[in-house]
C-alpha atoms as a PDB file:
ATOM      1  CA  MET A   1      59.508  33.283  17.796  1.00  0.00           C
ATOM      2  CA  GLY A   2      58.734  29.886  19.152  1.00  0.00           C
ATOM      3  CA  ARG A   3      55.026  30.504  19.011  1.00  0.00           C
ATOM      4  CA  LYS A   4      53.060  29.778  15.817  1.00  0.00           C
ATOM      5  CA  SER A   5      50.152  31.962  14.926  1.00  0.00           C
ATOM      6  CA  GLU A   6      46.718  30.385  14.833  1.00  0.00           C
ATOM      7  CA  ARG A   7      46.178  31.504  11.247  1.00  0.00           C
ATOM      8  CA  SER A   8      49.033  29.398   9.931  1.00  0.00           C
ATOM      9  CA  ASN A   9      47.694  26.233  11.587  1.00  0.00           C
ATOM     10  CA  PRO A  10      45.170  24.620   9.181  1.00  0.00           C
ATOM     11  CA  PHE A  11      43.678  22.559  12.028  1.00  0.00           C
ATOM     12  CA  SER A  12      42.730  25.377  14.360  1.00  0.00           C
ATOM     13  CA  ILE A  13      39.373  25.375  16.116  1.00  0.00           C
ATOM     14  CA  ASN A  14      37.948  28.070  13.847  1.00  0.00           C
ATOM     15  CA  SER A  15      38.887  26.272  10.663  1.00  0.00           C
ATOM     16  CA  LEU A  16      37.577  22.971  12.037  1.00  0.00           C
ATOM     17  CA  LEU A  17      34.281  24.664  12.885  1.00  0.00           C
ATOM     18  CA  LYS A  18      34.097  26.120   9.393  1.00  0.00           C
ATOM     19  CA  TYR A  19      34.732  22.708   7.834  1.00  0.00           C
ATOM     20  CA  ALA A  20      32.157  21.087  10.114  1.00  0.00           C
ATOM     21  CA  CYS A  21      29.539  23.726   9.250  1.00  0.00           C
ATOM     22  CA  PHE A  22      30.301  23.333   5.554  1.00  0.00           C
ATOM     23  CA  PHE A  23      30.081  19.542   5.820  1.00  0.00           C
ATOM     24  CA  LEU A  24      26.801  19.707   7.757  1.00  0.00           C
ATOM     25  CA  THR A  25      25.338  22.155   5.243  1.00  0.00           C
ATOM     26  CA  ILE A  26      26.200  19.813   2.376  1.00  0.00           C
ATOM     27  CA  LEU A  27      24.830  16.861   4.347  1.00  0.00           C
ATOM     28  CA  PHE A  28      21.524  18.631   5.031  1.00  0.00           C
ATOM     29  CA  ALA A  29      21.247  19.732   1.395  1.00  0.00           C
ATOM     30  CA  VAL A  30      21.729  16.154   0.186  1.00  0.00           C
ATOM     31  CA  TYR A  31      19.225  14.878   2.749  1.00  0.00           C
ATOM     32  CA  PHE A  32      16.708  17.545   1.705  1.00  0.00           C
ATOM     33  CA  VAL A  33      17.032  16.699  -1.996  1.00  0.00           C
ATOM     34  CA  LYS A  34      16.777  12.966  -1.291  1.00  0.00           C
ATOM     35  CA  THR A  35      13.666  13.524   0.824  1.00  0.00           C
ATOM     36  CA  LYS A  36      12.057  15.610  -1.925  1.00  0.00           C
ATOM     37  CA  LEU A  37      12.795  12.884  -4.483  1.00  0.00           C
ATOM     38  CA  ASP A  38      11.329  10.252  -2.148  1.00  0.00           C
ATOM     39  CA  ILE A  39       8.169  12.342  -1.756  1.00  0.00           C
ATOM     40  CA  VAL A  40       7.790  12.654  -5.540  1.00  0.00           C
ATOM     41  CA  ASP A  41       8.302   8.902  -5.945  1.00  0.00           C
ATOM     42  CA  MET A  42       5.780   8.077  -3.208  1.00  0.00           C
ATOM     43  CA  ARG A  43       3.201  10.427  -4.724  1.00  0.00           C
ATOM     44  CA  GLN A  44       3.582   8.612  -8.031  1.00  0.00           C
ATOM     45  CA  GLN A  45       3.122   5.286  -6.235  1.00  0.00           C
ATOM     46  CA  LEU A  46       0.042   6.671  -4.497  1.00  0.00           C
ATOM     47  CA  VAL A  47      -1.506   7.744  -7.801  1.00  0.00           C
ATOM     48  CA  ALA A  48      -0.802   4.307  -9.293  1.00  0.00           C
ATOM     49  CA  MET A  49      -2.338   2.560  -6.274  1.00  0.00           C
ATOM     50  CA  GLU A  50      -5.394   4.812  -6.343  1.00  0.00           C
ATOM     51  CA  GLU A  51      -5.880   3.859 -10.003  1.00  0.00           C
ATOM     52  CA  GLN A  52      -5.607   0.173  -9.072  1.00  0.00           C
ATOM     53  CA  VAL A  53      -8.142   0.647  -6.271  1.00  0.00           C
ATOM     54  CA  GLU A  54     -10.579   2.361  -8.620  1.00  0.00           C
ATOM     55  CA  LEU A  55     -10.151  -0.402 -11.196  1.00  0.00           C
ATOM     56  CA  GLN A  56     -10.782  -3.035  -8.530  1.00  0.00           C
ATOM     57  CA  ARG A  57     -13.901  -1.171  -7.371  1.00  0.00           C
ATOM     58  CA  LEU A  58     -15.231  -1.244 -10.910  1.00  0.00           C
ATOM     59  CA  LYS A  59     -14.477  -4.975 -11.184  1.00  0.00           C
ATOM     60  CA  ASN A  60     -16.204  -5.614  -7.841  1.00  0.00           C
ATOM     61  CA  LYS A  61     -19.253  -3.638  -8.904  1.00  0.00           C
ATOM     62  CA  ASP A  62     -19.432  -5.552 -12.176  1.00  0.00           C
ATOM     63  CA  ALA A  63     -19.119  -8.860 -10.334  1.00  0.00           C
ATOM     64  CA  GLU A  64     -21.832  -7.803  -7.872  1.00  0.00           C
ATOM     65  CA  LEU A  65     -24.180  -6.951 -10.717  1.00  0.00           C
ATOM     66  CA  SER A  66     -23.454 -10.296 -12.365  1.00  0.00           C
ATOM     67  CA  LEU A  67     -24.240 -12.111  -9.131  1.00  0.00           C
ATOM     68  CA  ARG A  68     -27.541 -10.303  -8.760  1.00  0.00           C
ATOM     69  CA  GLU A  69     -28.535 -11.357 -12.262  1.00  0.00           C
ATOM     70  CA  ASP A  70     -27.589 -14.954 -11.571  1.00  0.00           C
ATOM     71  CA  GLU A  71     -29.218 -15.186  -8.144  1.00  0.00           C
ATOM     72  CA  LYS A  72     -31.768 -17.781  -9.266  1.00  0.00           C
ATOM     73  CA  THR A  73     -29.044 -19.856 -10.924  1.00  0.00           C
ATOM     74  CA  ILE A  74     -26.920 -19.714  -7.790  1.00  0.00           C
ATOM     75  CA  GLU A  75     -29.835 -20.717  -5.587  1.00  0.00           C
ATOM     76  CA  ARG A  76     -30.709 -23.648  -7.825  1.00  0.00           C
ATOM     77  CA  THR A  77     -27.080 -24.825  -7.895  1.00  0.00           C
ATOM     78  CA  ALA A  78     -26.785 -24.520  -4.122  1.00  0.00           C
ATOM     79  CA  ARG A  79     -29.930 -26.596  -3.650  1.00  0.00           C
ATOM     80  CA  GLU A  80     -29.128 -29.297  -6.203  1.00  0.00           C
ATOM     81  CA  LYS A  81     -25.380 -29.768  -5.823  1.00  0.00           C
ATOM     82  CA  LEU A  82     -24.628 -28.600  -2.289  1.00  0.00           C
ATOM     83  CA  ASP A  83     -27.918 -29.558  -0.600  1.00  0.00           C
ATOM     84  CA  TYR A  84     -28.361 -26.081   0.864  1.00  0.00           C
ATOM     85  CA  VAL A  85     -31.725 -24.900   2.147  1.00  0.00           C
ATOM     86  CA  HIS A  86     -33.162 -21.680   3.520  1.00  0.00           C
ATOM     87  CA  PRO A  87     -32.975 -21.342   7.323  1.00  0.00           C
ATOM     88  CA  ASP A  88     -36.764 -21.604   7.803  1.00  0.00           C
ATOM     89  CA  GLU A  89     -37.227 -24.377   5.255  1.00  0.00           C
ATOM     90  CA  ARG A  90     -37.831 -28.045   6.067  1.00  0.00           C
ATOM     91  CA  ILE A  91     -36.767 -30.801   3.739  1.00  0.00           C
ATOM     92  CA  PHE A  92     -38.390 -34.204   3.965  1.00  0.00           C
ATOM     93  CA  VAL A  93     -36.488 -37.192   2.663  1.00  0.00           C
ATOM     94  CA  ASP A  94     -38.216 -40.436   1.737  1.00  0.00           C
ATOM     95  CA  ILE A  95     -36.100 -43.199   3.220  1.00  0.00           C
ATOM     96  CA  SER A  96     -38.571 -46.011   2.520  1.00  0.00           C
ATOM     97  CA  GLY A  97     -36.766 -46.898  -0.687  1.00  0.00           C
ATOM     98  CA  THR A  98     -39.909 -46.826  -2.849  1.00  0.00           C
ATOM     99  CA  ASN A  99     -40.134 -44.278  -5.583  1.00  0.00           C
END
């Protein structure tokens, strides 16, 4: 008479284990869904970044082609405004003051 049965106690070990398993199952399900959503989001970001990379490659190629066309202009500007010379070239400067 003085002893309570384990079934009437809502906080018995078995019921606590059941609640813990249920809670962990829900927790893992939420984690799984969140991870899947993160993967989808990151794949979309990857596609967007790959498009940006491809666009930048095209811009770089266009700029490279423009530079090749303007090579003579660049060389002339470097010589006249920046006083650049080729490595094997010698420049003689008349310092006598007579032109």
